[in-house]
Amino acid sequence: VQLQASGGGLVQPGGSLRLSCAASGSISGFNVMAWYRQAPGKQRGLVAEMSSGGRIDYADSVKGRFTISRNNARNTVFLQMDSLKAEDTAVYYCRLDSPGRAPFWGQGTLVTVSS
């Protein structure tokens, strides 16, 4: 399984970005696709996740500002990020979990929020 993330970049505080991550390869029917992020000097942490069945979970720090969605037919997950703050600056990674397998990670895409 390969994950290809895209959509990062430089944005001003208060702005928006949309990340995409496409998974290819042998993927089970039930899976969870997620976005994690890692800021300099900090541990990688969960931003949002969404199961193929539609269950969604967000980190408290992004609730009300970020929206995760997915296209199951194309094994693609999106992260719409609005009202971005400087503290959202990080490398964002997508991840796919499926039963009985180790998680797969994408290569990461850098999001920089700065004026």
PDB file of N, CA and C in Angstrom:
ATOM      1  N   VAL A   1       0.848  -1.191   0.000  1.00  0.00           N
ATOM      2  CA  VAL A   1       0.000   0.000   0.000  1.00  0.00           C
ATOM      3  C   VAL A   1       0.883   1.241   0.000  1.00  0.00           C
ATOM      4  N   GLN A   2       0.539   2.193  -0.845  1.00  0.00           N
ATOM      5  CA  GLN A   2       1.257   3.472  -0.881  1.00  0.00           C
ATOM      6  C   GLN A   2       0.276   4.617  -0.661  1.00  0.00           C
ATOM      7  N   LEU A   3       0.724   5.610   0.093  1.00  0.00           N
ATOM      8  CA  LEU A   3      -0.078   6.792   0.361  1.00  0.00           C
ATOM      9  C   LEU A   3       0.645   8.008  -0.199  1.00  0.00           C
ATOM     10  N   GLN A   4      -0.069   8.808  -0.962  1.00  0.00           N
ATOM     11  CA  GLN A   4       0.507   9.997  -1.572  1.00  0.00           C
ATOM     12  C   GLN A   4      -0.262  11.217  -1.088  1.00  0.00           C
ATOM     13  N   ALA A   5       0.428  12.042  -0.290  1.00  0.00           N
ATOM     14  CA  ALA A   5      -0.204  13.240   0.261  1.00  0.00           C
ATOM     15  C   ALA A   5       0.190  14.468  -0.543  1.00  0.00           C
ATOM     16  N   SER A   6      -0.725  15.433  -0.578  1.00  0.00           N
ATOM     17  CA  SER A   6      -0.451  16.680  -1.279  1.00  0.00           C
ATOM     18  C   SER A   6      -1.296  17.797  -0.683  1.00  0.00           C
ATOM     19  N   GLY A   7      -0.958  19.031  -1.048  1.00  0.00           N
ATOM     20  CA  GLY A   7      -1.781  20.168  -0.661  1.00  0.00           C
ATOM     21  C   GLY A   7      -1.180  21.102   0.357  1.00  0.00           C
ATOM     22  N   GLY A   8      -0.023  20.781   0.892  1.00  0.00           N
ATOM     23  CA  GLY A   8       0.596  21.662   1.872  1.00  0.00           C
ATOM     24  C   GLY A   8       1.105  22.940   1.232  1.00  0.00           C
ATOM     25  N   GLY A   9       1.533  23.871   2.085  1.00  0.00           N
ATOM     26  CA  GLY A   9       2.066  25.117   1.575  1.00  0.00           C
ATOM     27  C   GLY A   9       2.115  26.186   2.644  1.00  0.00           C
ATOM     28  N   LEU A  10       2.341  27.400   2.197  1.00  0.00           N
ATOM     29  CA  LEU A  10       2.413  28.552   3.091  1.00  0.00           C
ATOM     30  C   LEU A  10       1.095  29.317   3.030  1.00  0.00           C
ATOM     31  N   VAL A  11       0.557  29.616   4.194  1.00  0.00           N
ATOM     32  CA  VAL A  11      -0.712  30.345   4.255  1.00  0.00           C
ATOM     33  C   VAL A  11      -0.655  31.315   5.426  1.00  0.00           C
ATOM     34  N   GLN A  12      -1.370  32.416   5.303  1.00  0.00           N
ATOM     35  CA  GLN A  12      -1.412  33.399   6.383  1.00  0.00           C
ATOM     36  C   GLN A  12      -2.365  32.952   7.481  1.00  0.00           C
ATOM     37  N   PRO A  13      -2.156  33.423   8.688  1.00  0.00           N
ATOM     38  CA  PRO A  13      -3.101  33.112   9.767  1.00  0.00           C
ATOM     39  C   PRO A  13      -4.525  33.506   9.368  1.00  0.00           C
ATOM     40  N   GLY A  14      -5.450  32.622   9.672  1.00  0.00           N
ATOM     41  CA  GLY A  14      -6.835  32.837   9.282  1.00  0.00           C
ATOM     42  C   GLY A  14      -7.185  32.250   7.933  1.00  0.00           C
ATOM     43  N   GLY A  15      -6.195  31.820   7.205  1.00  0.00           N
ATOM     44  CA  GLY A  15      -6.419  31.265   5.875  1.00  0.00           C
ATOM     45  C   GLY A  15      -6.818  29.804   5.903  1.00  0.00           C
ATOM     46  N   SER A  16      -6.920  29.224   4.696  1.00  0.00           N
ATOM     47  CA  SER A  16      -7.371  27.843   4.539  1.00  0.00           C
ATOM     48  C   SER A  16      -6.439  27.066   3.619  1.00  0.00           C
ATOM     49  N   LEU A  17      -6.395  25.786   3.849  1.00  0.00           N
ATOM     50  CA  LEU A  17      -5.706  24.849   2.967  1.00  0.00           C
ATOM     51  C   LEU A  17      -6.495  23.556   2.940  1.00  0.00           C
ATOM     52  N   ARG A  18      -6.336  22.822   1.860  1.00  0.00           N
ATOM     53  CA  ARG A  18      -6.986  21.512   1.741  1.00  0.00           C
ATOM     54  C   ARG A  18      -5.937  20.478   1.401  1.00  0.00           C
ATOM     55  N   LEU A  19      -5.792  19.497   2.256  1.00  0.00           N
ATOM     56  CA  LEU A  19      -4.856  18.408   2.024  1.00  0.00           C
ATOM     57  C   LEU A  19      -5.590  17.214   1.429  1.00  0.00           C
ATOM     58  N   SER A  20      -4.870  16.469   0.599  1.00  0.00           N
ATOM     59  CA  SER A  20      -5.404  15.252   0.003  1.00  0.00           C
ATOM     60  C   SER A  20      -4.406  14.120   0.199  1.00  0.00           C
ATOM     61  N   CYS A  21      -4.925  12.922   0.321  1.00  0.00           N
ATOM     62  CA  CYS A  21      -4.076  11.743   0.427  1.00  0.00           C
ATOM     63  C   CYS A  21      -4.761  10.589  -0.284  1.00  0.00           C
ATOM     64  N   ALA A  22      -4.079  10.052  -1.287  1.00  0.00           N
ATOM     65  CA  ALA A  22      -4.626   8.942  -2.059  1.00  0.00           C
ATOM     66  C   ALA A  22      -3.872   7.672  -1.724  1.00  0.00           C
ATOM     67  N   ALA A  23      -4.611   6.622  -1.430  1.00  0.00           N
ATOM     68  CA  ALA A  23      -4.028   5.324  -1.134  1.00  0.00           C
ATOM     69  C   ALA A  23      -4.178   4.409  -2.340  1.00  0.00           C
ATOM     70  N   SER A  24      -3.132   3.638  -2.611  1.00  0.00           N
ATOM     71  CA  SER A  24      -3.168   2.679  -3.716  1.00  0.00           C
ATOM     72  C   SER A  24      -2.613   1.355  -3.237  1.00  0.00           C
ATOM     73  N   GLY A  25      -3.017   0.301  -3.891  1.00  0.00           N
ATOM     74  CA  GLY A  25      -2.564  -1.024  -3.502  1.00  0.00           C
ATOM     75  C   GLY A  25      -3.701  -1.863  -2.960  1.00  0.00           C
ATOM     76  N   SER A  26      -3.339  -2.930  -2.232  1.00  0.00           N
ATOM     77  CA  SER A  26      -4.326  -3.853  -1.685  1.00  0.00           C
ATOM     78  C   SER A  26      -4.878  -3.303  -0.370  1.00  0.00           C
ATOM     79  N   ILE A  27      -6.106  -2.839  -0.402  1.00  0.00           N
ATOM     80  CA  ILE A  27      -6.720  -2.191   0.754  1.00  0.00           C
ATOM     81  C   ILE A  27      -8.000  -2.915   1.111  1.00  0.00           C
ATOM     82  N   SER A  28      -8.139  -3.269   2.385  1.00  0.00           N
ATOM     83  CA  SER A  28      -9.327  -3.993   2.816  1.00  0.00           C
ATOM     84  C   SER A  28     -10.550  -3.090   2.788  1.00  0.00           C
ATOM     85  N   GLY A  29     -11.723  -3.727   2.783  1.00  0.00           N
ATOM     86  CA  GLY A  29     -12.955  -2.953   2.726  1.00  0.00           C
ATOM     87  C   GLY A  29     -13.113  -2.023   3.901  1.00  0.00           C
ATOM     88  N   PHE A  30     -12.827  -2.538   5.127  1.00  0.00           N
ATOM     89  CA  PHE A  30     -12.895  -1.674   6.302  1.00  0.00           C
ATOM     90  C   PHE A  30     -11.515  -1.130   6.619  1.00  0.00           C
ATOM     91  N   ASN A  31     -11.420   0.178   6.768  1.00  0.00           N
ATOM     92  CA  ASN A  31     -10.149   0.779   7.146  1.00  0.00           C
ATOM     93  C   ASN A  31     -10.385   2.141   7.772  1.00  0.00           C
ATOM     94  N   VAL A  32      -9.365   2.667   8.355  1.00  0.00           N
ATOM     95  CA  VAL A  32      -9.414   4.007   8.935  1.00  0.00           C
ATOM     96  C   VAL A  32      -8.312   4.833   8.287  1.00  0.00           C
ATOM     97  N   MET A  33      -8.676   5.975   7.754  1.00  0.00           N
ATOM     98  CA  MET A  33      -7.684   6.897   7.195  1.00  0.00           C
ATOM     99  C   MET A  33      -7.618   8.121   8.102  1.00  0.00           C
ATOM    100  N   ALA A  34      -6.416   8.589   8.321  1.00  0.00           N
ATOM    101  CA  ALA A  34      -6.233   9.637   9.316  1.00  0.00           C
ATOM    102  C   ALA A  34      -5.158  10.618   8.886  1.00  0.00           C
ATOM    103  N   TRP A  35      -5.197  11.759   9.530  1.00  0.00           N
ATOM    104  CA  TRP A  35      -4.149  12.769   9.397  1.00  0.00           C
ATOM    105  C   TRP A  35      -3.492  12.961  10.754  1.00  0.00           C
ATOM    106  N   TYR A  36      -2.175  12.922  10.744  1.00  0.00           N
ATOM    107  CA  TYR A  36      -1.363  13.231  11.911  1.00  0.00           C
ATOM    108  C   TYR A  36      -0.493  14.438  11.556  1.00  0.00           C
ATOM    109  N   ARG A  37       0.069  15.049  12.571  1.00  0.00           N
ATOM    110  CA  ARG A  37       1.001  16.142  12.314  1.00  0.00           C
ATOM    111  C   ARG A  37       2.123  16.125  13.339  1.00  0.00           C
ATOM    112  N   GLN A  38       3.247  16.671  12.897  1.00  0.00           N
ATOM    113  CA  GLN A  38       4.413  16.751  13.767  1.00  0.00           C
ATOM    114  C   GLN A  38       5.075  18.100  13.579  1.00  0.00           C
ATOM    115  N   ALA A  39       5.057  18.889  14.635  1.00  0.00           N
ATOM    116  CA  ALA A  39       5.725  20.188  14.629  1.00  0.00           C
ATOM    117  C   ALA A  39       7.168  20.004  15.097  1.00  0.00           C
ATOM    118  N   PRO A  40       8.041  20.932  14.755  1.00  0.00           N
ATOM    119  CA  PRO A  40       9.446  20.811  15.172  1.00  0.00           C
ATOM    120  C   PRO A  40       9.576  20.655  16.679  1.00  0.00           C
ATOM    121  N   GLY A  41      10.325  19.637  17.096  1.00  0.00           N
ATOM    122  CA  GLY A  41      10.559  19.413  18.513  1.00  0.00           C
ATOM    123  C   GLY A  41       9.423  18.768  19.260  1.00  0.00           C
ATOM    124  N   LYS A  42       8.368  18.375  18.544  1.00  0.00           N
ATOM    125  CA  LYS A  42       7.207  17.766  19.189  1.00  0.00           C
ATOM    126  C   LYS A  42       6.940  16.383  18.630  1.00  0.00           C
ATOM    127  N   GLN A  43       6.179  15.607  19.371  1.00  0.00           N
ATOM    128  CA  GLN A  43       5.815  14.275  18.908  1.00  0.00           C
ATOM    129  C   GLN A  43       4.689  14.354  17.876  1.00  0.00           C
ATOM    130  N   ARG A  44       4.642  13.340  17.039  1.00  0.00           N
ATOM    131  CA  ARG A  44       3.567  13.246  16.065  1.00  0.00           C
ATOM    132  C   ARG A  44       2.270  12.929  16.793  1.00  0.00           C
ATOM    133  N   GLY A  45       1.209  13.625  16.416  1.00  0.00           N
ATOM    134  CA  GLY A  45      -0.067  13.397  17.069  1.00  0.00           C
ATOM    135  C   GLY A  45      -1.226  13.394  16.087  1.00  0.00           C
ATOM    136  N   LEU A  46      -2.311  12.777  16.505  1.00  0.00           N
ATOM    137  CA  LEU A  46      -3.496  12.658  15.665  1.00  0.00           C
ATOM    138  C   LEU A  46      -4.163  14.022  15.477  1.00  0.00           C
ATOM    139  N   VAL A  47      -4.550  14.296  14.231  1.00  0.00           N
ATOM    140  CA  VAL A  47      -5.330  15.498  13.926  1.00  0.00           C
ATOM    141  C   VAL A  47      -6.794  15.114  13.728  1.00  0.00           C
ATOM    142  N   ALA A  48      -7.018  14.151  12.861  1.00  0.00           N
ATOM    143  CA  ALA A  48      -8.388  13.707  12.577  1.00  0.00           C
ATOM    144  C   ALA A  48      -8.331  12.339  11.926  1.00  0.00           C
ATOM    145  N   GLU A  49      -9.373  11.557  12.135  1.00  0.00           N
ATOM    146  CA  GLU A  49      -9.449  10.256  11.496  1.00  0.00           C
ATOM    147  C   GLU A  49     -10.888   9.970  11.094  1.00  0.00           C
ATOM    148  N   MET A  50     -11.010   9.143  10.078  1.00  0.00           N
ATOM    149  CA  MET A  50     -12.335   8.783   9.570  1.00  0.00           C
ATOM    150  C   MET A  50     -12.318   7.347   9.083  1.00  0.00           C
ATOM    151  N   SER A  51     -13.241   6.546   9.569  1.00  0.00           N
ATOM    152  CA  SER A  51     -13.316   5.158   9.132  1.00  0.00           C
ATOM    153  C   SER A  51     -14.069   5.070   7.806  1.00  0.00           C
ATOM    154  N   SER A  52     -13.923   3.943   7.156  1.00  0.00           N
ATOM    155  CA  SER A  52     -14.653   3.723   5.908  1.00  0.00           C
ATOM    156  C   SER A  52     -16.157   3.666   6.161  1.00  0.00           C
ATOM    157  N   GLY A  53     -16.534   3.417   7.416  1.00  0.00           N
ATOM    158  CA  GLY A  53     -17.943   3.407   7.784  1.00  0.00           C
ATOM    159  C   GLY A  53     -18.480   4.770   8.160  1.00  0.00           C
ATOM    160  N   GLY A  54     -17.599   5.772   8.230  1.00  0.00           N
ATOM    161  CA  GLY A  54     -18.045   7.134   8.472  1.00  0.00           C
ATOM    162  C   GLY A  54     -17.811   7.680   9.865  1.00  0.00           C
ATOM    163  N   ARG A  55     -17.232   6.879  10.757  1.00  0.00           N
ATOM    164  CA  ARG A  55     -16.953   7.397  12.103  1.00  0.00           C
ATOM    165  C   ARG A  55     -15.805   8.398  12.038  1.00  0.00           C
ATOM    166  N   ILE A  56     -15.968   9.528  12.710  1.00  0.00           N
ATOM    167  CA  ILE A  56     -14.993  10.615  12.668  1.00  0.00           C
ATOM    168  C   ILE A  56     -14.563  11.000  14.078  1.00  0.00           C
ATOM    169  N   ASP A  57     -13.294  11.351  14.190  1.00  0.00           N
ATOM    170  CA  ASP A  57     -12.776  11.841  15.460  1.00  0.00           C
ATOM    171  C   ASP A  57     -11.770  12.955  15.163  1.00  0.00           C
ATOM    172  N   TYR A  58     -11.762  13.983  16.002  1.00  0.00           N
ATOM    173  CA  TYR A  58     -10.845  15.105  15.850  1.00  0.00           C
ATOM    174  C   TYR A  58     -10.067  15.345  17.132  1.00  0.00           C
ATOM    175  N   ALA A  59      -8.866  15.863  16.981  1.00  0.00           N
ATOM    176  CA  ALA A  59      -8.148  16.388  18.134  1.00  0.00           C
ATOM    177  C   ALA A  59      -8.878  17.639  18.619  1.00  0.00           C
ATOM    178  N   ASP A  60      -8.883  17.857  19.913  1.00  0.00           N
ATOM    179  CA  ASP A  60      -9.593  19.014  20.469  1.00  0.00           C
ATOM    180  C   ASP A  60      -9.107  20.326  19.865  1.00  0.00           C
ATOM    181  N   SER A  61      -7.830  20.388  19.548  1.00  0.00           N
ATOM    182  CA  SER A  61      -7.235  21.642  19.073  1.00  0.00           C
ATOM    183  C   SER A  61      -7.724  22.055  17.687  1.00  0.00           C
ATOM    184  N   VAL A  62      -8.341  21.138  16.953  1.00  0.00           N
ATOM    185  CA  VAL A  62      -8.775  21.471  15.586  1.00  0.00           C
ATOM    186  C   VAL A  62     -10.289  21.404  15.413  1.00  0.00           C
ATOM    187  N   LYS A  63     -11.003  20.996  16.445  1.00  0.00           N
ATOM    188  CA  LYS A  63     -12.464  20.897  16.336  1.00  0.00           C
ATOM    189  C   LYS A  63     -13.071  22.247  15.982  1.00  0.00           C
ATOM    190  N   GLY A  64     -13.973  22.222  15.009  1.00  0.00           N
ATOM    191  CA  GLY A  64     -14.618  23.453  14.563  1.00  0.00           C
ATOM    192  C   GLY A  64     -13.856  24.200  13.491  1.00  0.00           C
ATOM    193  N   ARG A  65     -12.611  23.803  13.250  1.00  0.00           N
ATOM    194  CA  ARG A  65     -11.795  24.479  12.227  1.00  0.00           C
ATOM    195  C   ARG A  65     -11.412  23.548  11.079  1.00  0.00           C
ATOM    196  N   PHE A  66     -11.186  22.291  11.383  1.00  0.00           N
ATOM    197  CA  PHE A  66     -10.780  21.303  10.380  1.00  0.00           C
ATOM    198  C   PHE A  66     -11.926  20.341  10.108  1.00  0.00           C
ATOM    199  N   THR A  67     -11.988  19.890   8.855  1.00  0.00           N
ATOM    200  CA  THR A  67     -13.003  18.923   8.467  1.00  0.00           C
ATOM    201  C   THR A  67     -12.353  17.797   7.666  1.00  0.00           C
ATOM    202  N   ILE A  68     -12.532  16.578   8.127  1.00  0.00           N
ATOM    203  CA  ILE A  68     -12.020  15.419   7.392  1.00  0.00           C
ATOM    204  C   ILE A  68     -13.141  14.816   6.571  1.00  0.00           C
ATOM    205  N   SER A  69     -12.795  14.350   5.390  1.00  0.00           N
ATOM    206  CA  SER A  69     -13.762  13.664   4.535  1.00  0.00           C
ATOM    207  C   SER A  69     -13.006  12.643   3.707  1.00  0.00           C
ATOM    208  N   ARG A  70     -13.749  11.782   3.047  1.00  0.00           N
ATOM    209  CA  ARG A  70     -13.074  10.782   2.237  1.00  0.00           C
ATOM    210  C   ARG A  70     -13.964  10.320   1.099  1.00  0.00           C
ATOM    211  N   ASN A  71     -13.295   9.801   0.093  1.00  0.00           N
ATOM    212  CA  ASN A  71     -13.963   9.177  -1.050  1.00  0.00           C
ATOM    213  C   ASN A  71     -13.568   7.710  -1.010  1.00  0.00           C
ATOM    214  N   ASN A  72     -14.459   6.878  -0.515  1.00  0.00           N
ATOM    215  CA  ASN A  72     -14.124   5.462  -0.344  1.00  0.00           C
ATOM    216  C   ASN A  72     -13.833   4.774  -1.674  1.00  0.00           C
ATOM    217  N   ALA A  73     -14.547   5.150  -2.699  1.00  0.00           N
ATOM    218  CA  ALA A  73     -14.353   4.514  -4.003  1.00  0.00           C
ATOM    219  C   ALA A  73     -12.938   4.757  -4.534  1.00  0.00           C
ATOM    220  N   ARG A  74     -12.357   5.882  -4.161  1.00  0.00           N
ATOM    221  CA  ARG A  74     -11.014   6.218  -4.634  1.00  0.00           C
ATOM    222  C   ARG A  74      -9.967   6.110  -3.536  1.00  0.00           C
ATOM    223  N   ASN A  75     -10.362   5.605  -2.365  1.00  0.00           N
ATOM    224  CA  ASN A  75      -9.427   5.460  -1.237  1.00  0.00           C
ATOM    225  C   ASN A  75      -8.642   6.745  -0.999  1.00  0.00           C
ATOM    226  N   THR A  76      -9.362   7.826  -0.969  1.00  0.00           N
ATOM    227  CA  THR A  76      -8.756   9.139  -0.788  1.00  0.00           C
ATOM    228  C   THR A  76      -9.357   9.824   0.434  1.00  0.00           C
ATOM    229  N   VAL A  77      -8.500  10.462   1.205  1.00  0.00           N
ATOM    230  CA  VAL A  77      -8.950  11.219   2.370  1.00  0.00           C
ATOM    231  C   VAL A  77      -8.519  12.674   2.206  1.00  0.00           C
ATOM    232  N   PHE A  78      -9.368  13.568   2.694  1.00  0.00           N
ATOM    233  CA  PHE A  78      -9.111  14.997   2.581  1.00  0.00           C
ATOM    234  C   PHE A  78      -9.128  15.635   3.968  1.00  0.00           C
ATOM    235  N   LEU A  79      -8.422  16.729   4.089  1.00  0.00           N
ATOM    236  CA  LEU A  79      -8.480  17.513   5.322  1.00  0.00           C
ATOM    237  C   LEU A  79      -8.630  18.978   4.932  1.00  0.00           C
ATOM    238  N   GLN A  80      -9.811  19.511   5.157  1.00  0.00           N
ATOM    239  CA  GLN A  80     -10.055  20.930   4.931  1.00  0.00           C
ATOM    240  C   GLN A  80      -9.696  21.676   6.202  1.00  0.00           C
ATOM    241  N   MET A  81      -8.743  22.590   6.088  1.00  0.00           N
ATOM    242  CA  MET A  81      -8.260  23.317   7.253  1.00  0.00           C
ATOM    243  C   MET A  81      -8.607  24.787   7.102  1.00  0.00           C
ATOM    244  N   ASP A  82      -9.448  25.272   7.971  1.00  0.00           N
ATOM    245  CA  ASP A  82      -9.872  26.670   7.963  1.00  0.00           C
ATOM    246  C   ASP A  82      -9.410  27.357   9.239  1.00  0.00           C
ATOM    247  N   SER A  83      -9.443  28.688   9.209  1.00  0.00           N
ATOM    248  CA  SER A  83      -9.039  29.488  10.371  1.00  0.00           C
ATOM    249  C   SER A  83      -7.696  29.031  10.923  1.00  0.00           C
ATOM    250  N   LEU A  84      -6.748  28.870  10.036  1.00  0.00           N
ATOM    251  CA  LEU A  84      -5.451  28.335  10.434  1.00  0.00           C
ATOM    252  C   LEU A  84      -4.715  29.284  11.371  1.00  0.00           C
ATOM    253  N   LYS A  85      -3.987  28.676  12.289  1.00  0.00           N
ATOM    254  CA  LYS A  85      -3.214  29.416  13.277  1.00  0.00           C
ATOM    255  C   LYS A  85      -1.736  29.062  13.144  1.00  0.00           C
ATOM    256  N   ALA A  86      -0.885  29.896  13.688  1.00  0.00           N
ATOM    257  CA  ALA A  86       0.551  29.625  13.633  1.00  0.00           C
ATOM    258  C   ALA A  86       0.870  28.273  14.255  1.00  0.00           C
ATOM    259  N   GLU A  87       0.142  27.902  15.290  1.00  0.00           N
ATOM    260  CA  GLU A  87       0.414  26.629  15.964  1.00  0.00           C
ATOM    261  C   GLU A  87      -0.021  25.408  15.158  1.00  0.00           C
ATOM    262  N   ASP A  88      -0.660  25.639  14.016  1.00  0.00           N
ATOM    263  CA  ASP A  88      -0.982  24.523  13.115  1.00  0.00           C
ATOM    264  C   ASP A  88       0.194  24.183  12.208  1.00  0.00           C
ATOM    265  N   THR A  89       1.240  24.983  12.246  1.00  0.00           N
ATOM    266  CA  THR A  89       2.421  24.721  11.429  1.00  0.00           C
ATOM    267  C   THR A  89       3.044  23.387  11.814  1.00  0.00           C
ATOM    268  N   ALA A  90       3.199  22.525  10.820  1.00  0.00           N
ATOM    269  CA  ALA A  90       3.717  21.181  11.070  1.00  0.00           C
ATOM    270  C   ALA A  90       3.839  20.442   9.740  1.00  0.00           C
ATOM    271  N   VAL A  91       4.480  19.296   9.802  1.00  0.00           N
ATOM    272  CA  VAL A  91       4.415  18.357   8.692  1.00  0.00           C
ATOM    273  C   VAL A  91       3.201  17.463   8.943  1.00  0.00           C
ATOM    274  N   TYR A  92       2.347  17.381   7.963  1.00  0.00           N
ATOM    275  CA  TYR A  92       1.123  16.594   8.068  1.00  0.00           C
ATOM    276  C   TYR A  92       1.309  15.278   7.320  1.00  0.00           C
ATOM    277  N   TYR A  93       0.961  14.200   8.014  1.00  0.00           N
ATOM    278  CA  TYR A  93       1.105  12.854   7.460  1.00  0.00           C
ATOM    279  C   TYR A  93      -0.264  12.184   7.385  1.00  0.00           C
ATOM    280  N   CYS A  94      -0.506  11.468   6.313  1.00  0.00           N
ATOM    281  CA  CYS A  94      -1.702  10.635   6.286  1.00  0.00           C
ATOM    282  C   CYS A  94      -1.319   9.209   6.666  1.00  0.00           C
ATOM    283  N   ARG A  95      -2.287   8.519   7.176  1.00  0.00           N
ATOM    284  CA  ARG A  95      -2.071   7.162   7.681  1.00  0.00           C
ATOM    285  C   ARG A  95      -3.288   6.311   7.360  1.00  0.00           C
ATOM    286  N   LEU A  96      -3.038   5.045   7.044  1.00  0.00           N
ATOM    287  CA  LEU A  96      -4.119   4.103   6.791  1.00  0.00           C
ATOM    288  C   LEU A  96      -3.954   2.909   7.720  1.00  0.00           C
ATOM    289  N   ASP A  97      -5.010   2.580   8.440  1.00  0.00           N
ATOM    290  CA  ASP A  97      -5.053   1.400   9.304  1.00  0.00           C
ATOM    291  C   ASP A  97      -6.112   0.436   8.774  1.00  0.00           C
ATOM    292  N   SER A  98      -5.738  -0.828   8.692  1.00  0.00           N
ATOM    293  CA  SER A  98      -6.706  -1.848   8.313  1.00  0.00           C
ATOM    294  C   SER A  98      -6.481  -3.062   9.202  1.00  0.00           C
ATOM    295  N   PRO A  99      -7.518  -3.862   9.429  1.00  0.00           N
ATOM    296  CA  PRO A  99      -7.426  -4.975  10.387  1.00  0.00           C
ATOM    297  C   PRO A  99      -6.288  -5.945  10.070  1.00  0.00           C
ATOM    298  N   GLY A 100      -5.510  -6.275  11.100  1.00  0.00           N
ATOM    299  CA  GLY A 100      -4.478  -7.294  10.964  1.00  0.00           C
ATOM    300  C   GLY A 100      -3.201  -6.853  10.280  1.00  0.00           C
ATOM    301  N   ARG A 101      -3.086  -5.576   9.999  1.00  0.00           N
ATOM    302  CA  ARG A 101      -1.905  -5.074   9.301  1.00  0.00           C
ATOM    303  C   ARG A 101      -1.305  -3.891  10.057  1.00  0.00           C
ATOM    304  N   ALA A 102       0.011  -3.750   9.920  1.00  0.00           N
ATOM    305  CA  ALA A 102       0.658  -2.564  10.471  1.00  0.00           C
ATOM    306  C   ALA A 102       0.180  -1.340   9.701  1.00  0.00           C
ATOM    307  N   PRO A 103       0.150  -0.177  10.350  1.00  0.00           N
ATOM    308  CA  PRO A 103      -0.313   1.027   9.650  1.00  0.00           C
ATOM    309  C   PRO A 103       0.632   1.439   8.535  1.00  0.00           C
ATOM    310  N   PHE A 104       0.058   2.084   7.511  1.00  0.00           N
ATOM    311  CA  PHE A 104       0.830   2.641   6.413  1.00  0.00           C
ATOM    312  C   PHE A 104       0.850   4.168   6.552  1.00  0.00           C
ATOM    313  N   TRP A 105       1.996   4.754   6.217  1.00  0.00           N
ATOM    314  CA  TRP A 105       2.149   6.203   6.322  1.00  0.00           C
ATOM    315  C   TRP A 105       2.479   6.821   4.966  1.00  0.00           C
ATOM    316  N   GLY A 106       1.974   8.006   4.748  1.00  0.00           N
ATOM    317  CA  GLY A 106       2.380   8.783   3.593  1.00  0.00           C
ATOM    318  C   GLY A 106       3.672   9.523   3.886  1.00  0.00           C
ATOM    319  N   GLN A 107       4.153  10.275   2.910  1.00  0.00           N
ATOM    320  CA  GLN A 107       5.466  10.897   3.009  1.00  0.00           C
ATOM    321  C   GLN A 107       5.455  12.218   3.756  1.00  0.00           C
ATOM    322  N   GLY A 108       4.303  12.772   4.034  1.00  0.00           N
ATOM    323  CA  GLY A 108       4.253  14.041   4.757  1.00  0.00           C
ATOM    324  C   GLY A 108       4.212  15.232   3.819  1.00  0.00           C
ATOM    325  N   THR A 109       3.450  16.238   4.219  1.00  0.00           N
ATOM    326  CA  THR A 109       3.378  17.483   3.468  1.00  0.00           C
ATOM    327  C   THR A 109       3.439  18.643   4.471  1.00  0.00           C
ATOM    328  N   LEU A 110       4.263  19.635   4.170  1.00  0.00           N
ATOM    329  CA  LEU A 110       4.522  20.717   5.116  1.00  0.00           C
ATOM    330  C   LEU A 110       3.457  21.804   5.009  1.00  0.00           C
ATOM    331  N   VAL A 111       2.913  22.156   6.144  1.00  0.00           N
ATOM    332  CA  VAL A 111       1.981  23.276   6.252  1.00  0.00           C
ATOM    333  C   VAL A 111       2.630  24.343   7.130  1.00  0.00           C
ATOM    334  N   THR A 112       2.771  25.528   6.574  1.00  0.00           N
ATOM    335  CA  THR A 112       3.360  26.640   7.308  1.00  0.00           C
ATOM    336  C   THR A 112       2.346  27.769   7.391  1.00  0.00           C
ATOM    337  N   VAL A 113       2.016  28.174   8.606  1.00  0.00           N
ATOM    338  CA  VAL A 113       1.063  29.265   8.819  1.00  0.00           C
ATOM    339  C   VAL A 113       1.853  30.449   9.369  1.00  0.00           C
ATOM    340  N   SER A 114       1.992  31.464   8.537  1.00  0.00           N
ATOM    341  CA  SER A 114       2.827  32.604   8.923  1.00  0.00           C
ATOM    342  C   SER A 114       2.439  33.829   8.106  1.00  0.00           C
ATOM    343  N   SER A 115       2.580  34.981   8.729  1.00  0.00           N
ATOM    344  CA  SER A 115       2.334  36.230   8.006  1.00  0.00           C
ATOM    345  C   SER A 115       3.633  36.773   7.420  1.00  0.00           C
TER     346      SER A 115
END
